[in-house]
């Protein structure tokens, strides 16, 4: 599937969608068209039949180099929607580019290589899991241009990065490597071939009960945003909708019979 000319989507028979940023000649930098294309792709994934896992990557030399510097040269647009206006649920357009991956109903695994600066780092942070090449160049880059991170980073980095470390990286826009990102909290794992590792991990997840996987992702959202009472109730509600249903029974039978499951 090719929803637009900046992002490609290929859904495999196993339910794993390979989603790629295809502006490789510009290191997948974020201009207005790239913002719109990523959001369009995210919306298409939410409605996609048979989707079980998403692998997110960038073509060319970078995952995403952040904001396209041509944005700074553009004349002010007096008709542009104010940043404070919520155009996509709880987010504005720039925030939705990163938050759309959290809104995706299935797990998203980012395979990160080359360069991952600024907005690119915030997009990667929207994924459930980040597999990063050890030599990837990474930074909370916005302060270099006199800006603050404003594409969902502060919402997404909660629980990932230690508070004082995040403050230092934000205030200084210090560059760090993918290998360092593992210790800092921005990377889940470091691999020499992040796309291959991300794809293998996606295939493992795609072989689990899809109803339970989607339910687990919904629970992670509740865990981060709600109090104890709401979390406990959400666990019970999700389990009640899964237990003893055909896919849950199939998961048990396949495990006991030592065979691959066949989920509806």
Protein backbone atom coordinates (compact mmCIF):
# COMPACT_ATOMS: atom_id res chain seq x y z
CA UNK A 1 0.00 0.00 0.00
CA UNK A 2 1.28 3.49 -0.89
CA UNK A 3 -0.89 6.05 0.95
CA UNK A 4 1.27 8.97 -0.25
CA UNK A 5 4.63 9.80 -1.80
CA UNK A 6 6.48 10.28 1.50
CA UNK A 7 5.53 7.14 3.45
CA UNK A 8 5.12 3.57 2.18
CA UNK A 9 3.16 0.78 3.87
CA UNK A 10 3.55 -2.91 3.01
CA UNK A 11 1.34 -5.31 4.98
CA UNK A 12 2.57 -8.91 5.03
CA UNK A 13 0.41 -12.00 5.25
CA UNK A 14 1.52 -12.39 8.89
CA UNK A 15 0.03 -9.01 9.83
CA UNK A 16 3.36 -7.19 10.08
CA UNK A 17 3.30 -3.82 8.32
CA UNK A 18 6.60 -2.34 7.14
CA UNK A 19 6.14 1.44 7.27
CA UNK A 20 8.98 3.46 5.76
CA UNK A 21 9.70 7.16 5.45
CA UNK A 22 10.67 7.49 1.79
CA UNK A 23 12.21 10.95 1.66
CA UNK A 24 15.67 9.42 1.84
CA UNK A 25 17.32 12.11 -0.32
CA UNK A 26 16.49 14.63 2.45
CA UNK A 27 17.26 12.25 5.34
CA UNK A 28 13.49 12.05 5.92
CA UNK A 29 13.52 15.59 7.33
CA UNK A 30 10.21 17.06 8.39
CA UNK A 31 8.64 19.68 6.15
CA UNK A 32 4.93 20.41 5.92
CA UNK A 33 4.32 17.66 3.37
CA UNK A 34 6.17 15.14 5.54
CA UNK A 35 4.06 16.07 8.56
CA UNK A 36 0.85 15.53 6.59
CA UNK A 37 2.07 12.28 5.02
CA UNK A 38 3.06 10.69 8.33
CA UNK A 39 -0.30 11.57 9.87
CA UNK A 40 -2.10 10.17 6.83
CA UNK A 41 -0.17 6.92 7.17
CA UNK A 42 -0.93 6.71 10.90
CA UNK A 43 -4.64 7.16 10.25
CA UNK A 44 -4.58 4.50 7.52
CA UNK A 45 -2.98 2.01 9.91
CA UNK A 46 -5.72 2.48 12.50
CA UNK A 47 -8.30 1.25 9.99
CA UNK A 48 -6.19 -1.51 8.39
CA UNK A 49 -7.72 -5.01 8.48
CA UNK A 50 -5.42 -7.80 9.59
CA UNK A 51 -2.81 -5.49 11.11
CA UNK A 52 -0.93 -7.00 14.07
CA UNK A 53 2.39 -5.13 14.38
CA UNK A 54 4.05 -2.11 12.74
CA UNK A 55 7.78 -1.80 11.97
CA UNK A 56 8.70 1.86 11.42
CA UNK A 57 11.91 2.80 9.59
CA UNK A 58 13.45 5.38 7.29
CA UNK A 59 14.98 4.87 3.86
CA UNK A 60 18.42 6.17 3.00
CA UNK A 61 21.02 7.47 5.46
CA UNK A 62 18.70 8.39 8.34
CA UNK A 63 15.64 7.42 10.30
CA UNK A 64 14.66 11.10 10.49
CA UNK A 65 16.98 14.11 10.74
CA UNK A 66 14.33 16.27 12.39
CA UNK A 67 12.96 19.56 11.14
CA UNK A 68 13.75 20.46 7.54
CA UNK A 69 15.82 23.65 7.82
CA UNK A 70 13.93 25.14 4.87
CA UNK A 71 11.11 25.72 7.36
CA UNK A 72 13.17 28.53 8.90
CA UNK A 73 13.42 30.34 5.55
CA UNK A 74 9.72 30.22 4.75
CA UNK A 75 7.73 33.43 4.94
CA UNK A 76 5.34 33.62 7.92
CA UNK A 77 1.95 32.15 7.09
CA UNK A 78 -0.67 34.41 8.59
CA UNK A 79 -3.33 31.75 7.96
CA UNK A 80 -1.44 28.93 9.71
CA UNK A 81 -3.36 27.25 12.51
CA UNK A 82 -2.09 28.35 15.95
CA UNK A 83 0.04 25.76 17.73
CA UNK A 84 -2.31 25.86 20.70
CA UNK A 85 -5.28 24.71 18.61
CA UNK A 86 -5.97 20.97 18.99
CA UNK A 87 -6.40 19.72 15.41
CA UNK A 88 -5.98 15.98 16.07
CA UNK A 89 -7.79 15.02 19.25
CA UNK A 90 -5.51 16.14 22.09
CA UNK A 91 -2.65 17.19 19.76
CA UNK A 92 -1.72 19.73 17.13
CA UNK A 93 -0.35 18.63 13.74
CA UNK A 94 3.32 18.49 14.77
CA UNK A 95 2.51 16.55 17.94
CA UNK A 96 0.32 14.10 16.05
CA UNK A 97 3.30 13.06 13.92
CA UNK A 98 4.79 11.45 17.05
CA UNK A 99 1.62 10.68 19.01
CA UNK A 100 -0.05 8.82 16.12
CA UNK A 101 2.18 5.80 16.88
CA UNK A 102 0.86 5.67 20.44
CA UNK A 103 -2.67 5.92 19.05
CA UNK A 104 -2.02 2.99 16.71
CA UNK A 105 -3.99 0.02 18.12
CA UNK A 106 -1.10 -2.44 17.68
CA UNK A 107 2.54 -2.39 18.84
CA UNK A 108 4.90 -0.15 16.86
CA UNK A 109 8.61 -1.00 16.69
CA UNK A 110 10.96 1.72 15.42
CA UNK A 111 14.15 0.61 13.64
CA UNK A 112 16.48 3.59 14.02
CA UNK A 113 19.70 4.21 12.09
CA UNK A 114 21.90 7.00 10.80
CA UNK A 115 20.53 10.22 12.26
CA UNK A 116 17.65 10.72 14.69
CA UNK A 117 17.49 14.35 15.78
CA UNK A 118 14.80 16.55 17.29
CA UNK A 119 11.44 15.70 15.79
CA UNK A 120 12.86 12.40 14.57
CA UNK A 121 13.70 11.41 18.14
CA UNK A 122 10.19 12.35 19.24
CA UNK A 123 8.69 10.22 16.45
CA UNK A 124 10.85 7.25 17.48
CA UNK A 125 9.79 7.84 21.09
CA UNK A 126 6.16 7.39 20.03
CA UNK A 127 6.89 3.75 19.19
CA UNK A 128 6.36 1.03 21.78
CA UNK A 129 9.89 -0.31 21.24
CA UNK A 130 13.04 1.25 19.71
CA UNK A 131 15.76 -0.88 18.10
CA UNK A 132 18.73 1.41 17.45
CA UNK A 133 22.04 1.02 15.58
CA UNK A 134 24.93 1.67 17.99
CA UNK A 135 26.38 4.42 15.77
CA UNK A 136 23.12 6.33 15.30
CA UNK A 137 23.53 10.05 15.98
CA UNK A 138 20.79 11.23 18.33
CA UNK A 139 19.90 14.46 20.12
CA UNK A 140 17.11 16.44 21.72
CA UNK A 141 18.06 19.07 19.17
CA UNK A 142 15.49 21.86 19.49
CA UNK A 143 17.53 24.14 21.79
CA UNK A 144 20.14 24.47 19.02
CA UNK A 145 17.56 26.51 17.10
CA UNK A 146 16.29 28.37 20.16
CA UNK A 147 13.21 26.16 20.50
CA UNK A 148 11.73 23.69 22.98
CA UNK A 149 10.74 20.10 22.13
CA UNK A 150 7.07 20.38 21.16
CA UNK A 151 6.18 17.24 19.16
CA UNK A 152 5.01 15.20 22.13
CA UNK A 153 8.45 14.60 23.60
CA UNK A 154 7.60 15.65 27.14
CA UNK A 155 4.59 13.32 27.14
CA UNK A 156 6.47 10.43 25.53
CA UNK A 157 9.69 10.59 27.56
CA UNK A 158 7.93 10.15 30.91
CA UNK A 159 9.12 6.84 32.32
CA UNK A 160 11.80 6.42 29.62
CA UNK A 161 14.52 8.89 30.58
CA UNK A 162 15.63 9.95 34.05
CA UNK A 163 14.40 13.48 34.74
CA UNK A 164 17.76 15.15 35.37
CA UNK A 165 19.34 13.42 32.37
CA UNK A 166 16.52 14.60 30.12
CA UNK A 167 16.94 18.15 31.42
CA UNK A 168 20.66 18.14 30.64
CA UNK A 169 20.12 16.77 27.13
CA UNK A 170 17.32 19.28 26.46
CA UNK A 171 19.16 22.35 27.79
CA UNK A 172 22.42 21.54 25.95
CA UNK A 173 21.16 19.72 22.80
CA UNK A 174 24.17 17.41 23.33
CA UNK A 175 24.51 14.68 20.72
CA UNK A 176 24.74 11.05 21.83
CA UNK A 177 25.08 7.69 20.10
CA UNK A 178 22.68 4.80 19.78
CA UNK A 179 24.89 2.82 22.15
CA UNK A 180 24.59 5.61 24.75
CA UNK A 181 20.84 5.81 24.10
CA UNK A 182 20.40 2.37 25.62
CA UNK A 183 21.78 3.54 28.97
CA UNK A 184 19.97 6.88 28.75
CA UNK A 185 16.57 5.25 28.12
CA UNK A 186 15.89 6.37 24.55
CA UNK A 187 16.65 2.90 23.09
CA UNK A 188 15.09 -0.44 24.02
CA UNK A 189 17.90 -2.44 22.43
CA UNK A 190 20.96 -1.82 20.25
CA UNK A 191 21.57 -3.90 17.12
CA UNK A 192 23.90 -3.72 14.11
CA UNK A 193 20.91 -4.44 11.85
CA UNK A 194 18.00 -2.70 13.60
CA UNK A 195 15.50 -3.33 10.80
CA UNK A 196 16.15 -7.09 10.79
CA UNK A 197 15.91 -7.25 14.59
CA UNK A 198 12.76 -5.13 14.64
CA UNK A 199 11.17 -7.33 11.97
CA UNK A 200 12.04 -10.53 13.85
CA UNK A 201 10.56 -9.08 17.03
CA UNK A 202 7.43 -8.02 15.13
CA UNK A 203 7.02 -11.55 13.78
CA UNK A 204 7.18 -12.92 17.32
CA UNK A 205 4.51 -10.50 18.52
CA UNK A 206 2.35 -11.17 15.45
CA UNK A 207 2.20 -14.83 16.52
CA UNK A 208 0.42 -13.94 19.79
CA UNK A 209 -3.33 -13.57 20.40
CA UNK A 210 -4.10 -10.32 18.53
CA UNK A 211 -6.95 -9.44 20.89
CA UNK A 212 -4.64 -9.74 23.90
CA UNK A 213 -1.89 -7.72 22.21
CA UNK A 214 -4.28 -4.86 21.42
CA UNK A 215 -5.72 -5.04 24.92
CA UNK A 216 -2.23 -4.89 26.43
CA UNK A 217 -1.44 -1.76 24.42
CA UNK A 218 -4.63 -0.09 25.64
CA UNK A 219 -3.66 -0.97 29.21
CA UNK A 220 -0.25 0.68 28.83
CA UNK A 221 -2.04 3.92 27.98
CA UNK A 222 -4.24 3.62 31.06
CA UNK A 223 -1.19 2.77 33.19
CA UNK A 224 0.54 6.03 32.26
CA UNK A 225 -2.48 8.32 32.41
CA UNK A 226 -4.82 7.05 35.13
CA UNK A 227 -4.77 6.31 38.83
CA UNK A 228 -4.68 2.95 40.56
CA UNK A 229 -8.45 2.40 40.68
CA UNK A 230 -8.84 3.03 36.95
CA UNK A 231 -5.89 0.77 36.11
CA UNK A 232 -7.29 -2.12 38.14
CA UNK A 233 -10.72 -1.78 36.54
CA UNK A 234 -9.21 -1.52 33.04
CA UNK A 235 -7.25 -4.75 33.61
CA UNK A 236 -10.44 -6.54 34.60
CA UNK A 237 -12.42 -5.16 31.66
CA UNK A 238 -9.76 -6.10 29.11
CA UNK A 239 -9.40 -9.62 30.51
CA UNK A 240 -13.16 -10.15 30.59
CA UNK A 241 -13.29 -9.37 26.87
CA UNK A 242 -10.50 -11.86 26.06
CA UNK A 243 -10.72 -14.85 28.39
CA UNK A 244 -12.37 -18.00 27.03
CA UNK A 245 -12.84 -16.40 23.63
CA UNK A 246 -11.77 -18.47 20.56
CA UNK A 247 -8.40 -16.76 20.13
CA UNK A 248 -7.52 -17.17 23.79
CA UNK A 249 -8.49 -20.85 23.68
CA UNK A 250 -6.43 -21.25 20.50
CA UNK A 251 -3.41 -19.72 22.25
CA UNK A 252 -3.69 -22.31 25.03
CA UNK A 253 -4.24 -25.24 22.65
CA UNK A 254 -1.35 -24.26 20.38
CA UNK A 255 0.95 -23.96 23.39
CA UNK A 256 -0.09 -27.35 24.77
CA UNK A 257 0.14 -29.05 21.37
CA UNK A 258 3.45 -27.33 20.59
CA UNK A 259 2.29 -25.92 17.24
CA UNK A 260 1.88 -22.52 15.62
CA UNK A 261 -1.41 -20.85 16.57
CA UNK A 262 -4.08 -20.02 14.00
CA UNK A 263 -5.87 -16.92 15.18
CA UNK A 264 -9.07 -15.53 13.73
